[in-house]
Amino acid sequence: MRQRRIVSSAYIDLSQAHALAPTPVLVVNWRDMATPPTPSQSAEDYLERIHELIEEKGYARVVDIATSLQVKQASVTSMVQKLGELGYLNYEKYRGLMLTEKGKRVACNIQKRHETLSRFFSLFGLDPETQKQDIEGIEHHLSAETVQILADLACFFENNPEKLKQFLKSRKLIKQ
């Protein structure tokens, strides 16, 4: 009996595999997987920006995304096609794009994470530009649990302004 293995819904006779390809090849259809891959940091940035543009203007075009992210339109087109293949958005050439429910969920989570970090850093008087740079640098690397702790800490300081003043005063003493 010949050995067979399923590779992307096709059967390959393993006794003949050496003739097909000298190196084993694994073809993966992400839609058939139980747990699809999570979007990359770059993909998250695109989803976040697309969501913001749709909220601001009612639509998102490749040219607008490229301008706001300071990348080439060809790069945006390539990423948009990948995001479409992964089910995060629907894209029709020359017609624009819309986020799917899956894409909206990811974009909203990123937006919420961003807002939480901004809220937290604002308590300590960091200027907006520093906040923006720092948030962009760390927002994709924090777990949901860590972001929740920062949200809770921000809430604690907001509800206990004397504790915040005490903390800020202690920082000034340390700097001297």
N, C-alpha and C. Protein backbone atom coordinates (compact mmCIF):
# COMPACT_ATOMS: atom_id res chain seq x y z
N MET A 1 0.84 -1.18 0.00
CA MET A 1 0.00 0.00 0.00
C MET A 1 0.89 1.25 0.00
N ARG A 2 0.56 2.19 -0.84
CA ARG A 2 1.35 3.42 -0.94
C ARG A 2 0.96 4.39 0.15
N GLN A 3 1.98 5.14 0.62
CA GLN A 3 1.72 6.17 1.62
C GLN A 3 1.20 7.42 0.92
N ARG A 4 0.19 8.03 1.51
CA ARG A 4 -0.34 9.28 0.98
C ARG A 4 -0.49 10.27 2.11
N ARG A 5 -0.30 11.51 1.80
CA ARG A 5 -0.44 12.59 2.77
C ARG A 5 -1.23 13.71 2.11
N ILE A 6 -2.14 14.32 2.88
CA ILE A 6 -2.92 15.43 2.34
C ILE A 6 -2.10 16.70 2.44
N VAL A 7 -1.97 17.39 1.32
CA VAL A 7 -1.28 18.67 1.26
C VAL A 7 -2.21 19.62 0.50
N SER A 8 -2.80 20.57 1.22
CA SER A 8 -3.72 21.55 0.63
C SER A 8 -4.80 20.88 -0.21
N SER A 9 -5.49 19.93 0.39
CA SER A 9 -6.63 19.27 -0.22
C SER A 9 -6.25 18.41 -1.44
N ALA A 10 -4.99 18.09 -1.66
CA ALA A 10 -4.57 17.26 -2.78
C ALA A 10 -3.77 16.07 -2.25
N TYR A 11 -3.94 14.91 -2.89
CA TYR A 11 -3.17 13.74 -2.49
C TYR A 11 -1.91 13.65 -3.33
N ILE A 12 -0.80 13.35 -2.67
CA ILE A 12 0.46 13.18 -3.37
C ILE A 12 0.98 11.80 -3.03
N ASP A 13 1.35 11.06 -4.04
CA ASP A 13 1.94 9.75 -3.84
C ASP A 13 3.37 9.98 -3.37
N LEU A 14 3.66 9.68 -2.08
CA LEU A 14 4.97 9.98 -1.51
C LEU A 14 6.10 9.21 -2.17
N SER A 15 5.79 8.06 -2.77
CA SER A 15 6.85 7.32 -3.46
C SER A 15 7.32 8.05 -4.72
N GLN A 16 6.50 8.96 -5.23
CA GLN A 16 6.85 9.75 -6.41
C GLN A 16 7.22 11.18 -6.05
N ALA A 17 7.22 11.54 -4.77
CA ALA A 17 7.44 12.92 -4.35
C ALA A 17 8.82 13.43 -4.77
N HIS A 18 9.83 12.56 -4.76
CA HIS A 18 11.18 13.01 -5.14
C HIS A 18 11.22 13.54 -6.57
N ALA A 19 10.35 13.03 -7.42
CA ALA A 19 10.33 13.49 -8.81
C ALA A 19 9.64 14.84 -8.93
N LEU A 20 8.74 15.12 -8.01
CA LEU A 20 8.00 16.38 -8.07
C LEU A 20 8.81 17.56 -7.56
N ALA A 21 9.50 17.37 -6.45
CA ALA A 21 10.27 18.46 -5.86
C ALA A 21 11.39 17.87 -5.02
N PRO A 22 12.62 18.31 -5.24
CA PRO A 22 13.74 17.78 -4.46
C PRO A 22 13.64 18.15 -2.98
N THR A 23 12.99 19.26 -2.67
CA THR A 23 12.82 19.69 -1.29
C THR A 23 11.34 19.59 -0.94
N PRO A 24 10.99 19.01 0.22
CA PRO A 24 9.58 18.94 0.59
C PRO A 24 8.97 20.34 0.67
N VAL A 25 7.76 20.43 0.18
CA VAL A 25 7.04 21.70 0.16
C VAL A 25 5.75 21.53 0.93
N LEU A 26 5.47 22.44 1.84
CA LEU A 26 4.23 22.42 2.59
C LEU A 26 3.37 23.58 2.13
N VAL A 27 2.21 23.27 1.61
CA VAL A 27 1.28 24.29 1.17
C VAL A 27 0.20 24.42 2.24
N VAL A 28 -0.01 25.63 2.70
CA VAL A 28 -0.97 25.85 3.77
C VAL A 28 -2.08 26.77 3.27
N ASN A 29 -3.30 26.34 3.46
CA ASN A 29 -4.44 27.20 3.20
C ASN A 29 -4.91 27.70 4.56
N TRP A 30 -4.62 28.97 4.88
CA TRP A 30 -4.91 29.52 6.20
C TRP A 30 -6.39 29.42 6.57
N ARG A 31 -7.26 29.46 5.58
CA ARG A 31 -8.69 29.41 5.87
C ARG A 31 -9.11 28.05 6.40
N ASP A 32 -8.31 27.00 6.10
CA ASP A 32 -8.65 25.66 6.57
C ASP A 32 -8.10 25.37 7.96
N MET A 33 -7.31 26.28 8.51
CA MET A 33 -6.69 26.06 9.81
C MET A 33 -7.66 26.41 10.93
N ALA A 34 -7.55 25.68 12.05
CA ALA A 34 -8.42 25.95 13.20
C ALA A 34 -8.12 27.31 13.80
N THR A 35 -6.84 27.67 13.91
CA THR A 35 -6.46 28.97 14.46
C THR A 35 -5.64 29.71 13.42
N PRO A 36 -6.27 30.63 12.69
CA PRO A 36 -5.54 31.38 11.66
C PRO A 36 -4.47 32.25 12.29
N PRO A 37 -3.47 32.65 11.50
CA PRO A 37 -2.40 33.47 12.05
C PRO A 37 -2.92 34.84 12.46
N THR A 38 -2.28 35.41 13.47
CA THR A 38 -2.64 36.77 13.86
C THR A 38 -1.92 37.72 12.93
N PRO A 39 -2.48 38.90 12.74
CA PRO A 39 -1.83 39.83 11.81
C PRO A 39 -0.49 40.31 12.36
N SER A 40 0.43 40.59 11.45
CA SER A 40 1.74 41.11 11.82
C SER A 40 1.59 42.53 12.36
N GLN A 41 2.67 43.06 12.93
CA GLN A 41 2.65 44.45 13.42
C GLN A 41 2.31 45.40 12.29
N SER A 42 2.91 45.18 11.14
CA SER A 42 2.65 46.04 10.00
C SER A 42 1.18 45.94 9.58
N ALA A 43 0.65 44.72 9.54
CA ALA A 43 -0.76 44.54 9.17
C ALA A 43 -1.67 45.22 10.18
N GLU A 44 -1.32 45.14 11.46
CA GLU A 44 -2.10 45.83 12.49
C GLU A 44 -2.09 47.34 12.26
N ASP A 45 -0.94 47.88 11.90
CA ASP A 45 -0.85 49.32 11.62
C ASP A 45 -1.76 49.71 10.46
N TYR A 46 -1.75 48.88 9.42
CA TYR A 46 -2.62 49.15 8.27
C TYR A 46 -4.09 49.08 8.68
N LEU A 47 -4.47 48.04 9.42
CA LEU A 47 -5.87 47.90 9.83
C LEU A 47 -6.31 49.07 10.70
N GLU A 48 -5.42 49.49 11.61
CA GLU A 48 -5.73 50.63 12.48
C GLU A 48 -5.95 51.89 11.65
N ARG A 49 -5.06 52.12 10.69
CA ARG A 49 -5.16 53.34 9.89
C ARG A 49 -6.37 53.31 8.96
N ILE A 50 -6.65 52.15 8.38
CA ILE A 50 -7.82 52.01 7.51
C ILE A 50 -9.09 52.30 8.32
N HIS A 51 -9.16 51.77 9.51
CA HIS A 51 -10.32 52.00 10.39
C HIS A 51 -10.45 53.49 10.71
N GLU A 52 -9.34 54.14 11.01
CA GLU A 52 -9.38 55.58 11.32
C GLU A 52 -9.86 56.39 10.11
N LEU A 53 -9.35 56.05 8.93
CA LEU A 53 -9.76 56.76 7.71
C LEU A 53 -11.26 56.58 7.44
N ILE A 54 -11.74 55.37 7.61
CA ILE A 54 -13.16 55.11 7.39
C ILE A 54 -14.01 55.90 8.39
N GLU A 55 -13.54 55.97 9.65
CA GLU A 55 -14.27 56.75 10.66
C GLU A 55 -14.25 58.25 10.32
N GLU A 56 -13.10 58.74 9.83
CA GLU A 56 -12.95 60.17 9.52
C GLU A 56 -13.68 60.57 8.24
N LYS A 57 -13.50 59.78 7.17
CA LYS A 57 -13.96 60.19 5.84
C LYS A 57 -15.11 59.35 5.30
N GLY A 58 -15.35 58.20 5.92
CA GLY A 58 -16.39 57.31 5.41
C GLY A 58 -15.85 56.30 4.41
N TYR A 59 -14.58 56.41 4.06
CA TYR A 59 -13.96 55.49 3.11
C TYR A 59 -12.44 55.52 3.31
N ALA A 60 -11.78 54.54 2.74
CA ALA A 60 -10.31 54.50 2.77
C ALA A 60 -9.84 54.09 1.38
N ARG A 61 -8.99 54.92 0.80
CA ARG A 61 -8.41 54.63 -0.51
C ARG A 61 -6.92 54.33 -0.34
N VAL A 62 -6.38 53.59 -1.27
CA VAL A 62 -4.96 53.23 -1.24
C VAL A 62 -4.10 54.48 -1.13
N VAL A 63 -4.41 55.51 -1.90
CA VAL A 63 -3.61 56.73 -1.90
C VAL A 63 -3.63 57.40 -0.51
N ASP A 64 -4.79 57.38 0.15
CA ASP A 64 -4.89 57.99 1.49
C ASP A 64 -4.09 57.20 2.52
N ILE A 65 -4.15 55.88 2.41
CA ILE A 65 -3.41 55.02 3.34
C ILE A 65 -1.91 55.22 3.14
N ALA A 66 -1.48 55.25 1.88
CA ALA A 66 -0.05 55.44 1.57
C ALA A 66 0.44 56.77 2.11
N THR A 67 -0.34 57.83 1.92
CA THR A 67 0.06 59.15 2.39
C THR A 67 0.17 59.18 3.90
N SER A 68 -0.82 58.65 4.59
CA SER A 68 -0.83 58.73 6.05
C SER A 68 0.23 57.83 6.71
N LEU A 69 0.55 56.70 6.07
CA LEU A 69 1.57 55.81 6.63
C LEU A 69 2.96 56.08 6.05
N GLN A 70 3.03 57.02 5.12
CA GLN A 70 4.28 57.41 4.46
C GLN A 70 4.98 56.21 3.81
N VAL A 71 4.20 55.48 3.01
CA VAL A 71 4.72 54.35 2.25
C VAL A 71 4.25 54.50 0.81
N LYS A 72 4.79 53.68 -0.08
CA LYS A 72 4.41 53.73 -1.49
C LYS A 72 3.06 53.06 -1.71
N GLN A 73 2.34 53.55 -2.71
CA GLN A 73 1.03 52.98 -3.01
C GLN A 73 1.12 51.49 -3.35
N ALA A 74 2.21 51.09 -4.00
CA ALA A 74 2.38 49.68 -4.35
C ALA A 74 2.48 48.81 -3.08
N SER A 75 3.12 49.34 -2.06
CA SER A 75 3.22 48.62 -0.78
C SER A 75 1.85 48.47 -0.15
N VAL A 76 1.06 49.53 -0.21
CA VAL A 76 -0.30 49.48 0.35
C VAL A 76 -1.14 48.47 -0.42
N THR A 77 -1.06 48.51 -1.74
CA THR A 77 -1.83 47.57 -2.56
C THR A 77 -1.48 46.13 -2.21
N SER A 78 -0.20 45.86 -2.06
CA SER A 78 0.25 44.51 -1.71
C SER A 78 -0.30 44.09 -0.34
N MET A 79 -0.21 44.97 0.65
CA MET A 79 -0.70 44.64 1.99
C MET A 79 -2.22 44.49 1.98
N VAL A 80 -2.91 45.35 1.28
CA VAL A 80 -4.37 45.28 1.21
C VAL A 80 -4.80 43.94 0.59
N GLN A 81 -4.09 43.49 -0.43
CA GLN A 81 -4.41 42.20 -1.04
C GLN A 81 -4.19 41.07 -0.04
N LYS A 82 -3.09 41.13 0.73
CA LYS A 82 -2.84 40.09 1.74
C LYS A 82 -3.92 40.11 2.81
N LEU A 83 -4.28 41.31 3.27
CA LEU A 83 -5.31 41.43 4.30
C LEU A 83 -6.65 40.92 3.78
N GLY A 84 -6.90 41.13 2.51
CA GLY A 84 -8.12 40.61 1.90
C GLY A 84 -8.11 39.09 1.87
N GLU A 85 -6.97 38.51 1.50
CA GLU A 85 -6.84 37.04 1.46
C GLU A 85 -7.03 36.43 2.85
N LEU A 86 -6.60 37.15 3.88
CA LEU A 86 -6.73 36.65 5.25
C LEU A 86 -8.10 36.96 5.86
N GLY A 87 -8.96 37.63 5.10
CA GLY A 87 -10.31 37.88 5.57
C GLY A 87 -10.50 39.10 6.44
N TYR A 88 -9.53 40.04 6.43
CA TYR A 88 -9.63 41.24 7.26
C TYR A 88 -10.35 42.38 6.55
N LEU A 89 -10.38 42.35 5.22
CA LEU A 89 -11.06 43.41 4.49
C LEU A 89 -11.50 42.91 3.13
N ASN A 90 -12.41 43.66 2.54
CA ASN A 90 -12.85 43.41 1.17
C ASN A 90 -12.30 44.55 0.32
N TYR A 91 -11.63 44.19 -0.76
CA TYR A 91 -10.97 45.18 -1.61
C TYR A 91 -11.36 44.96 -3.07
N GLU A 92 -11.80 46.01 -3.70
CA GLU A 92 -12.06 45.97 -5.12
C GLU A 92 -11.24 47.09 -5.76
N LYS A 93 -10.43 46.70 -6.72
CA LYS A 93 -9.57 47.67 -7.39
C LYS A 93 -10.42 48.82 -7.94
N TYR A 94 -9.96 50.03 -7.72
CA TYR A 94 -10.60 51.27 -8.15
C TYR A 94 -11.91 51.59 -7.42
N ARG A 95 -12.33 50.76 -6.47
CA ARG A 95 -13.57 51.02 -5.76
C ARG A 95 -13.35 51.29 -4.27
N GLY A 96 -12.18 50.99 -3.77
CA GLY A 96 -11.92 51.20 -2.35
C GLY A 96 -12.03 49.91 -1.57
N LEU A 97 -12.05 50.06 -0.26
CA LEU A 97 -12.06 48.87 0.59
C LEU A 97 -12.89 49.11 1.84
N MET A 98 -13.33 48.00 2.42
CA MET A 98 -14.09 48.02 3.65
C MET A 98 -13.57 46.91 4.55
N LEU A 99 -13.50 47.18 5.84
CA LEU A 99 -13.09 46.16 6.79
C LEU A 99 -14.21 45.15 6.99
N THR A 100 -13.84 43.89 7.12
CA THR A 100 -14.81 42.86 7.49
C THR A 100 -15.01 42.95 9.00
N GLU A 101 -15.92 42.17 9.54
CA GLU A 101 -16.11 42.15 10.99
C GLU A 101 -14.81 41.75 11.68
N LYS A 102 -14.13 40.78 11.11
CA LYS A 102 -12.84 40.32 11.65
C LYS A 102 -11.83 41.47 11.65
N GLY A 103 -11.77 42.21 10.55
CA GLY A 103 -10.86 43.35 10.44
C GLY A 103 -11.22 44.46 11.40
N LYS A 104 -12.51 44.74 11.55
CA LYS A 104 -12.96 45.77 12.49
C LYS A 104 -12.60 45.40 13.92
N ARG A 105 -12.76 44.12 14.25
CA ARG A 105 -12.44 43.65 15.60
C ARG A 105 -10.96 43.88 15.92
N VAL A 106 -10.09 43.51 14.99
CA VAL A 106 -8.64 43.71 15.19
C VAL A 106 -8.33 45.21 15.28
N ALA A 107 -8.89 46.00 14.35
CA ALA A 107 -8.62 47.44 14.34
C ALA A 107 -9.12 48.10 15.62
N CYS A 108 -10.28 47.72 16.09
CA CYS A 108 -10.82 48.31 17.33
C CYS A 108 -9.98 47.93 18.54
N ASN A 109 -9.49 46.69 18.57
CA ASN A 109 -8.61 46.28 19.68
C ASN A 109 -7.31 47.08 19.68
N ILE A 110 -6.75 47.30 18.51
CA ILE A 110 -5.52 48.09 18.40
C ILE A 110 -5.79 49.53 18.81
N GLN A 111 -6.90 50.07 18.34
CA GLN A 111 -7.27 51.45 18.67
C GLN A 111 -7.48 51.60 20.19
N LYS A 112 -8.13 50.62 20.79
CA LYS A 112 -8.36 50.65 22.24
C LYS A 112 -7.03 50.58 23.00
N ARG A 113 -6.13 49.71 22.54
CA ARG A 113 -4.81 49.59 23.15
C ARG A 113 -4.06 50.92 23.05
N HIS A 114 -4.13 51.54 21.88
CA HIS A 114 -3.48 52.83 21.65
C HIS A 114 -4.05 53.90 22.58
N GLU A 115 -5.36 53.96 22.68
CA GLU A 115 -6.02 54.95 23.55
C GLU A 115 -5.66 54.73 25.03
N THR A 116 -5.59 53.47 25.44
CA THR A 116 -5.21 53.16 26.83
C THR A 116 -3.81 53.65 27.12
N LEU A 117 -2.88 53.38 26.21
CA LEU A 117 -1.49 53.81 26.42
C LEU A 117 -1.40 55.33 26.42
N SER A 118 -2.12 55.99 25.54
CA SER A 118 -2.12 57.45 25.49
C SER A 118 -2.68 58.04 26.78
N ARG A 119 -3.76 57.46 27.23
CA ARG A 119 -4.38 57.90 28.50
C ARG A 119 -3.40 57.75 29.66
N PHE A 120 -2.73 56.61 29.70
CA PHE A 120 -1.77 56.33 30.77
C PHE A 120 -0.61 57.32 30.74
N PHE A 121 0.02 57.50 29.56
CA PHE A 121 1.18 58.39 29.46
C PHE A 121 0.81 59.85 29.69
N SER A 122 -0.41 60.24 29.32
CA SER A 122 -0.85 61.62 29.52
C SER A 122 -0.88 62.00 30.99
N LEU A 123 -1.16 61.04 31.85
CA LEU A 123 -1.21 61.31 33.29
C LEU A 123 0.12 61.85 33.81
N PHE A 124 1.19 61.46 33.16
CA PHE A 124 2.53 61.81 33.65
C PHE A 124 3.13 63.00 32.92
N GLY A 125 2.32 63.65 32.09
CA GLY A 125 2.76 64.88 31.46
C GLY A 125 3.67 64.71 30.26
N LEU A 126 3.68 63.53 29.67
CA LEU A 126 4.50 63.34 28.47
C LEU A 126 3.89 64.12 27.30
N ASP A 127 4.74 64.78 26.53
CA ASP A 127 4.22 65.57 25.41
C ASP A 127 3.67 64.62 24.34
N PRO A 128 2.70 65.11 23.55
CA PRO A 128 2.04 64.26 22.56
C PRO A 128 2.98 63.58 21.56
N GLU A 129 4.01 64.27 21.11
CA GLU A 129 4.93 63.66 20.14
C GLU A 129 5.71 62.50 20.75
N THR A 130 6.18 62.68 21.98
CA THR A 130 6.88 61.60 22.68
C THR A 130 5.93 60.42 22.88
N GLN A 131 4.71 60.73 23.30
CA GLN A 131 3.71 59.67 23.48
C GLN A 131 3.52 58.88 22.18
N LYS A 132 3.33 59.61 21.10
CA LYS A 132 3.07 58.97 19.81
C LYS A 132 4.20 58.02 19.43
N GLN A 133 5.43 58.49 19.55
CA GLN A 133 6.59 57.66 19.20
C GLN A 133 6.70 56.45 20.11
N ASP A 134 6.51 56.67 21.41
CA ASP A 134 6.62 55.56 22.37
C ASP A 134 5.52 54.53 22.16
N ILE A 135 4.31 55.01 21.95
CA ILE A 135 3.18 54.10 21.76
C ILE A 135 3.38 53.27 20.50
N GLU A 136 3.78 53.92 19.41
CA GLU A 136 4.03 53.17 18.17
C GLU A 136 5.12 52.13 18.38
N GLY A 137 6.07 52.43 19.26
CA GLY A 137 7.17 51.50 19.50
C GLY A 137 6.79 50.29 20.35
N ILE A 138 5.79 50.44 21.22
CA ILE A 138 5.50 49.34 22.15
C ILE A 138 4.13 48.70 22.00
N GLU A 139 3.19 49.37 21.33
CA GLU A 139 1.81 48.89 21.37
C GLU A 139 1.62 47.48 20.83
N HIS A 140 2.44 47.04 19.93
CA HIS A 140 2.28 45.70 19.36
C HIS A 140 2.97 44.62 20.21
N HIS A 141 3.72 45.03 21.21
CA HIS A 141 4.49 44.08 21.99
C HIS A 141 3.90 43.80 23.36
N LEU A 142 2.81 44.47 23.70
CA LEU A 142 2.20 44.29 25.01
C LEU A 142 1.06 43.29 24.95
N SER A 143 1.01 42.43 25.95
CA SER A 143 -0.10 41.48 26.02
C SER A 143 -1.37 42.21 26.44
N ALA A 144 -2.49 41.58 26.22
CA ALA A 144 -3.78 42.15 26.64
C ALA A 144 -3.79 42.34 28.16
N GLU A 145 -3.17 41.43 28.87
CA GLU A 145 -3.12 41.51 30.33
C GLU A 145 -2.33 42.75 30.78
N THR A 146 -1.20 43.01 30.14
CA THR A 146 -0.39 44.18 30.49
C THR A 146 -1.15 45.47 30.18
N VAL A 147 -1.81 45.53 29.04
CA VAL A 147 -2.58 46.72 28.68
C VAL A 147 -3.70 46.94 29.71
N GLN A 148 -4.32 45.86 30.16
CA GLN A 148 -5.39 45.99 31.16
C GLN A 148 -4.83 46.52 32.48
N ILE A 149 -3.65 46.07 32.86
CA ILE A 149 -3.02 46.57 34.09
C ILE A 149 -2.75 48.07 33.97
N LEU A 150 -2.25 48.50 32.82
CA LEU A 150 -2.00 49.93 32.59
C LEU A 150 -3.31 50.73 32.62
N ALA A 151 -4.38 50.16 32.07
CA ALA A 151 -5.69 50.82 32.12
C ALA A 151 -6.17 50.94 33.56
N ASP A 152 -5.97 49.87 34.33
CA ASP A 152 -6.38 49.89 35.74
C ASP A 152 -5.55 50.91 36.53
N LEU A 153 -4.26 50.98 36.23
CA LEU A 153 -3.38 51.93 36.91
C LEU A 153 -3.77 53.37 36.55
N ALA A 154 -4.10 53.61 35.28
CA ALA A 154 -4.56 54.94 34.87
C ALA A 154 -5.84 55.30 35.61
N CYS A 155 -6.75 54.35 35.71
CA CYS A 155 -8.01 54.57 36.43
C CYS A 155 -7.73 54.87 37.91
N PHE A 156 -6.80 54.14 38.50
CA PHE A 156 -6.45 54.36 39.91
C PHE A 156 -5.94 55.79 40.11
N PHE A 157 -5.03 56.23 39.25
CA PHE A 157 -4.49 57.58 39.39
C PHE A 157 -5.55 58.65 39.10
N GLU A 158 -6.44 58.38 38.15
CA GLU A 158 -7.51 59.33 37.85
C GLU A 158 -8.47 59.47 39.03
N ASN A 159 -8.70 58.38 39.73
CA ASN A 159 -9.61 58.38 40.88
C ASN A 159 -8.93 58.79 42.18
N ASN A 160 -7.62 58.85 42.15
CA ASN A 160 -6.83 59.22 43.33
C ASN A 160 -5.79 60.27 42.95
N PRO A 161 -6.24 61.48 42.62
CA PRO A 161 -5.31 62.50 42.13
C PRO A 161 -4.20 62.84 43.13
N GLU A 162 -4.46 62.68 44.41
CA GLU A 162 -3.42 62.95 45.40
C GLU A 162 -2.27 61.95 45.29
N LYS A 163 -2.61 60.71 44.98
CA LYS A 163 -1.57 59.68 44.79
C LYS A 163 -0.74 60.00 43.55
N LEU A 164 -1.40 60.50 42.51
CA LEU A 164 -0.69 60.89 41.29
C LEU A 164 0.26 62.05 41.59
N LYS A 165 -0.23 63.04 42.31
CA LYS A 165 0.62 64.18 42.69
C LYS A 165 1.81 63.70 43.52
N GLN A 166 1.53 62.80 44.44
CA GLN A 166 2.59 62.25 45.30
C GLN A 166 3.64 61.53 44.43
N PHE A 167 3.18 60.75 43.48
CA PHE A 167 4.11 60.05 42.59
C PHE A 167 4.94 61.03 41.77
N LEU A 168 4.27 62.01 41.16
CA LEU A 168 4.98 63.00 40.33
C LEU A 168 5.99 63.79 41.16
N LYS A 169 5.62 64.12 42.39
CA LYS A 169 6.53 64.83 43.29
C LYS A 169 7.75 63.96 43.60
N SER A 170 7.54 62.67 43.84
CA SER A 170 8.66 61.78 44.15
C SER A 170 9.62 61.67 42.96
N ARG A 171 9.10 61.74 41.74
CA ARG A 171 9.95 61.71 40.56
C ARG A 171 10.82 62.97 40.48
N LYS A 172 10.24 64.11 40.83
CA LYS A 172 11.00 65.35 40.80
C LYS A 172 12.14 65.31 41.82
N LEU A 173 11.85 64.73 42.98
CA LEU A 173 12.89 64.62 44.01
C LEU A 173 14.01 63.71 43.56
N ILE A 174 13.68 62.66 42.89
CA ILE A 174 14.68 61.71 42.40
C ILE A 174 15.57 62.37 41.35
N LYS A 175 14.98 63.19 40.49
CA LYS A 175 15.74 63.85 39.41
C LYS A 175 16.72 64.87 39.94
N GLN A 176 16.46 65.42 41.11
CA GLN A 176 17.33 66.49 41.63
C GLN A 176 18.61 65.98 42.14
